Amino acid sequence: MKTIFLTIAISTMIIGTSFGQSFETDSISKSEVSKLDFITGKWKGKGWMMGANRKKAEFEQTEDIEFKLDSTVILIYGVGRNNGMIIHNAMAIISYNKKENNYTFQSYLQNGRKGEFKGELVNGKFHWYPNENMRYVIELNEKDQWYEIGEIKQGENWHQFFEMTLDRVK
């Protein structure tokens, strides 16, 4: 009898604890992440990247981007192809870092590489930094297209090595 009572008591505590978590949305994170709504949606287009041989390699790109967790994070899934062959397959999560007052950009690649990087919204453009000498800048251009560049800093100057222009898929 004591065993049955103890089992019921422990089960009640476990169930009560799992249902007892707060389901309130973090209003600060939701407000800040919602400022990036301009990148959400389905996108398709083309781009280029400077290769090691300093030649431009062109690619076709798709991006599927949506809010998750009551708009407190953004989930990004992108695939790039060159002549039908996948050359880039990545997923990223953007969230808001209240301690640092900026965004966190976590990326995951199919080859197992992953990283967590700083992001910020500057004059309506989303910047994220794989390191202090490299940045990607995403904005909507005058045609309401996703326009993204990648730049590397050499000395005091930024040099472009990447560009992508995508149309919203309806």
N, C-alpha and C. Protein backbone atom coordinates (compact mmCIF):
# COMPACT_ATOMS: atom_id res chain seq x y z
N MET A 1 0.82 -1.19 0.00
CA MET A 1 0.00 0.00 0.00
C MET A 1 0.87 1.26 0.00
N LYS A 2 1.96 1.22 0.81
CA LYS A 2 2.86 2.37 0.86
C LYS A 2 3.50 2.59 -0.51
N THR A 3 3.82 1.51 -1.22
CA THR A 3 4.43 1.62 -2.54
C THR A 3 3.48 2.29 -3.53
N ILE A 4 2.22 1.91 -3.50
CA ILE A 4 1.22 2.51 -4.40
C ILE A 4 1.07 3.99 -4.08
N PHE A 5 0.98 4.34 -2.81
CA PHE A 5 0.82 5.73 -2.41
C PHE A 5 2.03 6.56 -2.85
N LEU A 6 3.25 6.02 -2.65
CA LEU A 6 4.47 6.70 -3.04
C LEU A 6 4.53 6.90 -4.55
N THR A 7 4.12 5.89 -5.32
CA THR A 7 4.10 6.00 -6.78
C THR A 7 3.14 7.09 -7.23
N ILE A 8 1.95 7.13 -6.64
CA ILE A 8 0.95 8.15 -6.99
C ILE A 8 1.48 9.54 -6.62
N ALA A 9 2.10 9.68 -5.46
CA ALA A 9 2.62 10.97 -5.02
C ALA A 9 3.72 11.47 -5.96
N ILE A 10 4.64 10.59 -6.33
CA ILE A 10 5.73 10.99 -7.24
C ILE A 10 5.18 11.33 -8.61
N SER A 11 4.25 10.54 -9.13
CA SER A 11 3.64 10.81 -10.43
C SER A 11 2.94 12.17 -10.43
N THR A 12 2.23 12.48 -9.35
CA THR A 12 1.53 13.75 -9.25
C THR A 12 2.52 14.91 -9.26
N MET A 13 3.65 14.77 -8.58
CA MET A 13 4.66 15.83 -8.56
C MET A 13 5.26 16.02 -9.95
N ILE A 14 5.55 14.93 -10.65
CA ILE A 14 6.15 15.03 -11.99
C ILE A 14 5.17 15.68 -12.96
N ILE A 15 3.94 15.23 -12.95
CA ILE A 15 2.93 15.80 -13.85
C ILE A 15 2.69 17.27 -13.51
N GLY A 16 2.59 17.57 -12.23
CA GLY A 16 2.36 18.94 -11.81
C GLY A 16 3.49 19.87 -12.21
N THR A 17 4.73 19.38 -12.12
CA THR A 17 5.88 20.18 -12.50
C THR A 17 5.89 20.45 -14.00
N SER A 18 5.59 19.44 -14.82
CA SER A 18 5.63 19.64 -16.27
C SER A 18 4.53 20.56 -16.75
N PHE A 19 3.36 20.53 -16.11
CA PHE A 19 2.28 21.42 -16.50
C PHE A 19 2.40 22.77 -15.82
N GLY A 20 3.29 22.90 -14.86
CA GLY A 20 3.41 24.12 -14.09
C GLY A 20 4.32 25.16 -14.71
N GLN A 21 4.99 24.85 -15.84
CA GLN A 21 5.87 25.84 -16.43
C GLN A 21 5.07 27.00 -17.01
N SER A 22 5.68 28.15 -17.03
CA SER A 22 5.01 29.35 -17.52
C SER A 22 4.92 29.31 -19.05
N PHE A 23 3.77 29.66 -19.56
CA PHE A 23 3.58 29.70 -21.01
C PHE A 23 3.41 31.12 -21.50
N GLU A 24 3.80 32.08 -20.68
CA GLU A 24 3.72 33.47 -21.09
C GLU A 24 4.82 33.74 -22.11
N THR A 25 4.48 34.52 -23.11
CA THR A 25 5.45 34.90 -24.12
C THR A 25 6.36 35.99 -23.59
N ASP A 26 7.63 35.89 -23.90
CA ASP A 26 8.60 36.93 -23.54
C ASP A 26 8.32 38.13 -24.45
N SER A 27 7.68 39.15 -23.91
CA SER A 27 7.22 40.28 -24.73
C SER A 27 8.38 41.08 -25.32
N ILE A 28 9.51 41.17 -24.62
CA ILE A 28 10.66 41.90 -25.15
C ILE A 28 11.23 41.17 -26.36
N SER A 29 11.45 39.86 -26.22
CA SER A 29 11.97 39.08 -27.34
C SER A 29 11.02 39.12 -28.52
N LYS A 30 9.73 38.99 -28.26
CA LYS A 30 8.75 39.02 -29.35
C LYS A 30 8.78 40.37 -30.06
N SER A 31 8.85 41.45 -29.31
CA SER A 31 8.89 42.78 -29.91
C SER A 31 10.13 42.97 -30.78
N GLU A 32 11.29 42.56 -30.26
CA GLU A 32 12.54 42.74 -31.01
C GLU A 32 12.63 41.82 -32.22
N VAL A 33 12.26 40.55 -32.06
CA VAL A 33 12.31 39.61 -33.19
C VAL A 33 11.29 40.01 -34.26
N SER A 34 10.17 40.54 -33.85
CA SER A 34 9.14 40.95 -34.82
C SER A 34 9.63 42.07 -35.74
N LYS A 35 10.65 42.80 -35.33
CA LYS A 35 11.23 43.85 -36.18
C LYS A 35 11.90 43.26 -37.42
N LEU A 36 12.13 41.95 -37.40
CA LEU A 36 12.76 41.27 -38.55
C LEU A 36 11.73 40.62 -39.46
N ASP A 37 10.47 41.01 -39.33
CA ASP A 37 9.42 40.38 -40.13
C ASP A 37 9.64 40.57 -41.63
N PHE A 38 10.43 41.55 -42.03
CA PHE A 38 10.68 41.79 -43.46
C PHE A 38 11.41 40.64 -44.13
N ILE A 39 12.09 39.77 -43.37
CA ILE A 39 12.79 38.65 -43.99
C ILE A 39 11.96 37.37 -44.02
N THR A 40 10.80 37.36 -43.35
CA THR A 40 10.02 36.13 -43.30
C THR A 40 9.32 35.88 -44.62
N GLY A 41 9.08 34.61 -44.89
CA GLY A 41 8.40 34.20 -46.12
C GLY A 41 9.23 33.18 -46.88
N LYS A 42 8.78 32.89 -48.07
CA LYS A 42 9.50 31.98 -48.97
C LYS A 42 10.15 32.84 -50.05
N TRP A 43 11.41 32.55 -50.34
CA TRP A 43 12.20 33.35 -51.27
C TRP A 43 12.93 32.44 -52.27
N LYS A 44 13.15 33.00 -53.45
CA LYS A 44 13.88 32.26 -54.49
C LYS A 44 14.60 33.26 -55.39
N GLY A 45 15.85 32.93 -55.75
CA GLY A 45 16.59 33.83 -56.63
C GLY A 45 17.98 33.32 -56.90
N LYS A 46 18.87 34.28 -57.18
CA LYS A 46 20.24 33.95 -57.58
C LYS A 46 21.25 34.77 -56.80
N GLY A 47 22.48 34.30 -56.87
CA GLY A 47 23.56 35.03 -56.23
C GLY A 47 24.90 34.59 -56.75
N TRP A 48 25.92 35.17 -56.19
CA TRP A 48 27.29 34.80 -56.53
C TRP A 48 28.16 34.90 -55.27
N MET A 49 29.26 34.14 -55.32
CA MET A 49 30.23 34.17 -54.24
C MET A 49 31.61 34.11 -54.86
N MET A 50 32.52 34.89 -54.30
CA MET A 50 33.88 34.90 -54.80
C MET A 50 34.59 33.65 -54.29
N GLY A 51 35.13 32.86 -55.20
CA GLY A 51 35.84 31.65 -54.82
C GLY A 51 37.27 31.92 -54.42
N ALA A 52 37.94 30.88 -53.97
CA ALA A 52 39.34 31.00 -53.56
C ALA A 52 40.23 31.45 -54.72
N ASN A 53 39.82 31.10 -55.94
CA ASN A 53 40.59 31.49 -57.13
C ASN A 53 40.22 32.89 -57.61
N ARG A 54 39.44 33.63 -56.79
CA ARG A 54 39.00 35.00 -57.07
C ARG A 54 38.07 35.06 -58.28
N LYS A 55 37.40 33.93 -58.58
CA LYS A 55 36.39 33.90 -59.64
C LYS A 55 35.02 33.83 -58.99
N LYS A 56 34.05 34.47 -59.64
CA LYS A 56 32.69 34.44 -59.13
C LYS A 56 32.03 33.11 -59.46
N ALA A 57 31.50 32.46 -58.45
CA ALA A 57 30.73 31.23 -58.63
C ALA A 57 29.27 31.59 -58.41
N GLU A 58 28.43 31.33 -59.41
CA GLU A 58 27.02 31.67 -59.33
C GLU A 58 26.22 30.50 -58.76
N PHE A 59 25.07 30.81 -58.16
CA PHE A 59 24.21 29.80 -57.57
C PHE A 59 22.76 30.26 -57.59
N GLU A 60 21.87 29.30 -57.45
CA GLU A 60 20.44 29.56 -57.27
C GLU A 60 20.13 29.25 -55.82
N GLN A 61 19.28 30.08 -55.19
CA GLN A 61 19.05 29.96 -53.76
C GLN A 61 17.55 29.98 -53.44
N THR A 62 17.16 29.20 -52.45
CA THR A 62 15.82 29.29 -51.87
C THR A 62 15.99 29.49 -50.37
N GLU A 63 15.08 30.25 -49.79
CA GLU A 63 15.07 30.48 -48.35
C GLU A 63 13.62 30.34 -47.88
N ASP A 64 13.43 29.63 -46.81
CA ASP A 64 12.12 29.46 -46.19
C ASP A 64 12.27 29.97 -44.75
N ILE A 65 11.60 31.07 -44.44
CA ILE A 65 11.84 31.77 -43.17
C ILE A 65 10.52 32.04 -42.48
N GLU A 66 10.43 31.62 -41.22
CA GLU A 66 9.17 31.82 -40.49
C GLU A 66 9.41 32.03 -39.00
N PHE A 67 8.45 32.75 -38.41
CA PHE A 67 8.45 32.93 -36.96
C PHE A 67 8.09 31.61 -36.30
N LYS A 68 8.67 31.36 -35.14
CA LYS A 68 8.34 30.20 -34.32
C LYS A 68 8.24 30.66 -32.87
N LEU A 69 7.67 29.80 -32.02
CA LEU A 69 7.56 30.05 -30.58
C LEU A 69 6.92 31.41 -30.30
N ASP A 70 5.74 31.63 -30.87
CA ASP A 70 4.98 32.87 -30.68
C ASP A 70 5.80 34.09 -31.07
N SER A 71 6.51 33.99 -32.18
CA SER A 71 7.30 35.09 -32.76
C SER A 71 8.46 35.54 -31.88
N THR A 72 8.98 34.65 -31.03
CA THR A 72 10.16 35.00 -30.23
C THR A 72 11.45 34.51 -30.89
N VAL A 73 11.34 33.71 -31.95
CA VAL A 73 12.50 33.28 -32.74
C VAL A 73 12.09 33.22 -34.21
N ILE A 74 13.09 33.25 -35.07
CA ILE A 74 12.89 33.06 -36.51
C ILE A 74 13.70 31.84 -36.93
N LEU A 75 13.07 30.95 -37.67
CA LEU A 75 13.72 29.76 -38.20
C LEU A 75 13.98 29.98 -39.70
N ILE A 76 15.21 29.78 -40.11
CA ILE A 76 15.63 29.98 -41.51
C ILE A 76 16.13 28.66 -42.06
N TYR A 77 15.66 28.30 -43.25
CA TYR A 77 16.19 27.12 -43.93
C TYR A 77 16.52 27.53 -45.36
N GLY A 78 17.78 27.39 -45.75
CA GLY A 78 18.21 27.80 -47.07
C GLY A 78 18.98 26.72 -47.80
N VAL A 79 18.76 26.65 -49.12
CA VAL A 79 19.46 25.70 -49.98
C VAL A 79 19.97 26.43 -51.21
N GLY A 80 21.26 26.27 -51.50
CA GLY A 80 21.87 26.84 -52.69
C GLY A 80 22.31 25.74 -53.64
N ARG A 81 22.10 25.98 -54.94
CA ARG A 81 22.47 24.98 -55.95
C ARG A 81 23.27 25.64 -57.08
N ASN A 82 24.20 24.87 -57.60
CA ASN A 82 24.94 25.27 -58.79
C ASN A 82 24.82 24.12 -59.78
N ASN A 83 24.22 24.40 -60.93
CA ASN A 83 23.97 23.37 -61.95
C ASN A 83 23.21 22.19 -61.36
N GLY A 84 22.24 22.46 -60.50
CA GLY A 84 21.40 21.42 -59.90
C GLY A 84 22.00 20.72 -58.70
N MET A 85 23.29 20.94 -58.46
CA MET A 85 23.96 20.27 -57.34
C MET A 85 23.92 21.17 -56.09
N ILE A 86 23.57 20.59 -54.94
CA ILE A 86 23.51 21.37 -53.71
C ILE A 86 24.92 21.76 -53.29
N ILE A 87 25.13 23.07 -53.14
CA ILE A 87 26.44 23.57 -52.70
C ILE A 87 26.35 24.24 -51.33
N HIS A 88 25.11 24.49 -50.89
CA HIS A 88 24.90 25.13 -49.58
C HIS A 88 23.59 24.62 -49.02
N ASN A 89 23.63 24.09 -47.81
CA ASN A 89 22.42 23.57 -47.16
C ASN A 89 22.55 23.97 -45.69
N ALA A 90 21.72 24.93 -45.26
CA ALA A 90 21.91 25.48 -43.92
C ALA A 90 20.59 25.80 -43.25
N MET A 91 20.66 25.82 -41.93
CA MET A 91 19.53 26.23 -41.12
C MET A 91 20.07 27.23 -40.10
N ALA A 92 19.24 28.20 -39.73
CA ALA A 92 19.65 29.17 -38.72
C ALA A 92 18.46 29.53 -37.85
N ILE A 93 18.76 29.97 -36.65
CA ILE A 93 17.75 30.45 -35.72
C ILE A 93 18.19 31.82 -35.24
N ILE A 94 17.29 32.79 -35.36
CA ILE A 94 17.56 34.13 -34.84
C ILE A 94 16.70 34.33 -33.60
N SER A 95 17.33 34.76 -32.53
CA SER A 95 16.61 35.08 -31.30
C SER A 95 17.16 36.41 -30.76
N TYR A 96 16.52 36.91 -29.72
CA TYR A 96 16.98 38.17 -29.14
C TYR A 96 17.71 37.91 -27.83
N ASN A 97 18.85 38.54 -27.67
CA ASN A 97 19.68 38.41 -26.47
C ASN A 97 19.47 39.66 -25.62
N LYS A 98 18.65 39.54 -24.59
CA LYS A 98 18.32 40.70 -23.75
C LYS A 98 19.52 41.21 -22.96
N LYS A 99 20.42 40.32 -22.56
CA LYS A 99 21.60 40.75 -21.80
C LYS A 99 22.52 41.64 -22.62
N GLU A 100 22.69 41.28 -23.90
CA GLU A 100 23.61 42.02 -24.77
C GLU A 100 22.89 43.08 -25.61
N ASN A 101 21.55 43.08 -25.57
CA ASN A 101 20.75 44.03 -26.34
C ASN A 101 21.04 43.91 -27.85
N ASN A 102 21.12 42.65 -28.33
CA ASN A 102 21.31 42.41 -29.75
C ASN A 102 20.69 41.06 -30.09
N TYR A 103 20.88 40.62 -31.31
CA TYR A 103 20.33 39.34 -31.75
C TYR A 103 21.41 38.26 -31.68
N THR A 104 20.96 37.04 -31.54
CA THR A 104 21.83 35.88 -31.64
C THR A 104 21.46 35.14 -32.92
N PHE A 105 22.44 34.87 -33.76
CA PHE A 105 22.26 34.16 -35.02
C PHE A 105 23.00 32.83 -34.89
N GLN A 106 22.23 31.75 -34.75
CA GLN A 106 22.83 30.43 -34.64
C GLN A 106 22.69 29.73 -35.99
N SER A 107 23.80 29.27 -36.55
CA SER A 107 23.73 28.61 -37.86
C SER A 107 24.21 27.17 -37.75
N TYR A 108 23.62 26.35 -38.62
CA TYR A 108 23.92 24.92 -38.66
C TYR A 108 24.07 24.51 -40.12
N LEU A 109 25.18 23.83 -40.44
CA LEU A 109 25.43 23.37 -41.81
C LEU A 109 25.35 21.85 -41.87
N GLN A 110 25.08 21.34 -43.07
CA GLN A 110 24.95 19.89 -43.23
C GLN A 110 26.25 19.14 -42.96
N ASN A 111 27.37 19.84 -43.03
CA ASN A 111 28.66 19.18 -42.78
C ASN A 111 28.99 19.11 -41.28
N GLY A 112 28.05 19.55 -40.43
CA GLY A 112 28.26 19.48 -38.99
C GLY A 112 28.78 20.76 -38.37
N ARG A 113 29.22 21.69 -39.20
CA ARG A 113 29.70 22.96 -38.66
C ARG A 113 28.52 23.75 -38.12
N LYS A 114 28.76 24.45 -37.04
CA LYS A 114 27.72 25.30 -36.46
C LYS A 114 28.40 26.44 -35.72
N GLY A 115 27.61 27.47 -35.47
CA GLY A 115 28.17 28.61 -34.74
C GLY A 115 27.09 29.51 -34.20
N GLU A 116 27.47 30.32 -33.26
CA GLU A 116 26.58 31.31 -32.68
C GLU A 116 27.23 32.67 -32.85
N PHE A 117 26.50 33.59 -33.49
CA PHE A 117 27.09 34.86 -33.88
C PHE A 117 26.20 36.03 -33.46
N LYS A 118 26.81 37.17 -33.35
CA LYS A 118 26.09 38.40 -33.01
C LYS A 118 25.33 38.91 -34.24
N GLY A 119 24.14 39.44 -34.00
CA GLY A 119 23.37 40.09 -35.05
C GLY A 119 22.83 41.41 -34.52
N GLU A 120 22.56 42.33 -35.43
CA GLU A 120 21.97 43.61 -35.03
C GLU A 120 21.18 44.20 -36.19
N LEU A 121 20.23 45.03 -35.84
CA LEU A 121 19.43 45.75 -36.82
C LEU A 121 19.97 47.16 -36.90
N VAL A 122 20.48 47.54 -38.08
CA VAL A 122 21.08 48.86 -38.28
C VAL A 122 20.38 49.53 -39.45
N ASN A 123 19.67 50.61 -39.18
CA ASN A 123 18.95 51.36 -40.22
C ASN A 123 18.07 50.47 -41.08
N GLY A 124 17.34 49.56 -40.45
CA GLY A 124 16.42 48.69 -41.16
C GLY A 124 17.07 47.52 -41.88
N LYS A 125 18.36 47.32 -41.67
CA LYS A 125 19.08 46.22 -42.30
C LYS A 125 19.58 45.28 -41.20
N PHE A 126 19.44 43.96 -41.45
CA PHE A 126 19.92 42.99 -40.47
C PHE A 126 21.36 42.62 -40.79
N HIS A 127 22.25 42.84 -39.82
CA HIS A 127 23.67 42.49 -39.94
C HIS A 127 23.93 41.31 -39.02
N TRP A 128 24.71 40.35 -39.51
CA TRP A 128 25.22 39.30 -38.63
C TRP A 128 26.68 39.07 -38.96
N TYR A 129 27.44 38.71 -37.91
CA TYR A 129 28.90 38.74 -37.99
C TYR A 129 29.50 37.37 -37.64
N PRO A 130 29.93 36.59 -38.65
CA PRO A 130 30.61 35.32 -38.35
C PRO A 130 31.89 35.52 -37.54
N ASN A 131 32.53 36.67 -37.73
CA ASN A 131 33.67 37.08 -36.89
C ASN A 131 33.81 38.59 -37.02
N GLU A 132 34.74 39.17 -36.33
CA GLU A 132 34.85 40.64 -36.31
C GLU A 132 35.28 41.23 -37.65
N ASN A 133 35.81 40.42 -38.55
CA ASN A 133 36.25 40.92 -39.85
C ASN A 133 35.37 40.44 -41.00
N MET A 134 34.18 39.93 -40.69
CA MET A 134 33.26 39.46 -41.73
C MET A 134 31.84 39.80 -41.31
N ARG A 135 31.04 40.22 -42.29
CA ARG A 135 29.64 40.52 -42.00
C ARG A 135 28.78 40.21 -43.21
N TYR A 136 27.53 39.88 -42.91
CA TYR A 136 26.48 39.72 -43.91
C TYR A 136 25.41 40.76 -43.59
N VAL A 137 24.88 41.40 -44.62
CA VAL A 137 23.87 42.44 -44.44
C VAL A 137 22.67 42.09 -45.32
N ILE A 138 21.49 42.00 -44.67
CA ILE A 138 20.26 41.63 -45.37
C ILE A 138 19.30 42.80 -45.29
N GLU A 139 18.71 43.15 -46.44
CA GLU A 139 17.72 44.22 -46.49
C GLU A 139 16.73 43.93 -47.62
N LEU A 140 15.65 44.68 -47.65
CA LEU A 140 14.75 44.66 -48.79
C LEU A 140 15.15 45.83 -49.68
N ASN A 141 15.36 45.55 -50.97
CA ASN A 141 15.73 46.63 -51.89
C ASN A 141 14.48 47.37 -52.37
N GLU A 142 14.66 48.30 -53.30
CA GLU A 142 13.55 49.12 -53.80
C GLU A 142 12.49 48.31 -54.54
N LYS A 143 12.82 47.08 -54.98
CA LYS A 143 11.86 46.20 -55.66
C LYS A 143 11.23 45.21 -54.69
N ASP A 144 11.42 45.42 -53.38
CA ASP A 144 10.90 44.54 -52.33
C ASP A 144 11.51 43.13 -52.44
N GLN A 145 12.76 43.08 -52.90
CA GLN A 145 13.49 41.82 -53.00
C GLN A 145 14.44 41.70 -51.80
N TRP A 146 14.71 40.47 -51.42
CA TRP A 146 15.74 40.18 -50.42
C TRP A 146 17.07 40.49 -51.10
N TYR A 147 17.83 41.37 -50.53
CA TYR A 147 19.14 41.71 -51.06
C TYR A 147 20.14 41.53 -49.93
N GLU A 148 21.12 40.65 -50.16
CA GLU A 148 22.11 40.35 -49.13
C GLU A 148 23.51 40.41 -49.72
N ILE A 149 24.40 41.01 -48.96
CA ILE A 149 25.81 41.01 -49.34
C ILE A 149 26.64 40.44 -48.20
N GLY A 150 27.79 39.90 -48.56
CA GLY A 150 28.78 39.45 -47.59
C GLY A 150 30.04 40.24 -47.83
N GLU A 151 30.65 40.69 -46.75
CA GLU A 151 31.86 41.50 -46.88
C GLU A 151 32.91 41.03 -45.88
N ILE A 152 34.16 41.22 -46.28
CA ILE A 152 35.29 40.91 -45.40
C ILE A 152 36.11 42.18 -45.22
N LYS A 153 36.58 42.39 -44.01
CA LYS A 153 37.34 43.60 -43.71
C LYS A 153 38.83 43.31 -43.84
N GLN A 154 39.47 44.15 -44.65
CA GLN A 154 40.92 44.08 -44.82
C GLN A 154 41.47 45.46 -44.52
N GLY A 155 42.19 45.56 -43.43
CA GLY A 155 42.63 46.88 -42.98
C GLY A 155 41.41 47.64 -42.46
N GLU A 156 41.17 48.81 -43.04
CA GLU A 156 40.00 49.61 -42.64
C GLU A 156 38.87 49.52 -43.65
N ASN A 157 39.06 48.75 -44.73
CA ASN A 157 38.08 48.70 -45.81
C ASN A 157 37.34 47.38 -45.85
N TRP A 158 36.05 47.46 -46.21
CA TRP A 158 35.22 46.27 -46.40
C TRP A 158 35.19 45.94 -47.89
N HIS A 159 35.38 44.64 -48.23
CA HIS A 159 35.38 44.18 -49.61
C HIS A 159 34.31 43.10 -49.77
N GLN A 160 33.48 43.28 -50.79
CA GLN A 160 32.37 42.35 -51.01
C GLN A 160 32.87 41.05 -51.63
N PHE A 161 32.37 39.92 -51.10
CA PHE A 161 32.70 38.60 -51.65
C PHE A 161 31.45 37.78 -51.94
N PHE A 162 30.27 38.34 -51.66
CA PHE A 162 29.02 37.58 -51.77
C PHE A 162 27.88 38.55 -52.07
N GLU A 163 26.94 38.09 -52.91
CA GLU A 163 25.73 38.88 -53.18
C GLU A 163 24.60 37.93 -53.56
N MET A 164 23.42 38.24 -53.07
CA MET A 164 22.25 37.40 -53.35
C MET A 164 21.02 38.30 -53.46
N THR A 165 20.22 38.06 -54.50
CA THR A 165 18.95 38.78 -54.68
C THR A 165 17.86 37.75 -54.88
N LEU A 166 16.85 37.81 -54.00
CA LEU A 166 15.77 36.82 -54.02
C LEU A 166 14.42 37.50 -54.13
N ASP A 167 13.50 36.86 -54.85
CA ASP A 167 12.13 37.32 -54.96
C ASP A 167 11.26 36.53 -54.01
N ARG A 168 10.25 37.20 -53.50
CA ARG A 168 9.27 36.53 -52.64
C ARG A 168 8.44 35.56 -53.48
N VAL A 169 8.32 34.33 -53.04
CA VAL A 169 7.51 33.32 -53.74
C VAL A 169 6.09 33.47 -53.23
N LYS A 170 5.17 33.62 -54.14
CA LYS A 170 3.77 33.85 -53.75
C LYS A 170 3.01 32.55 -53.67
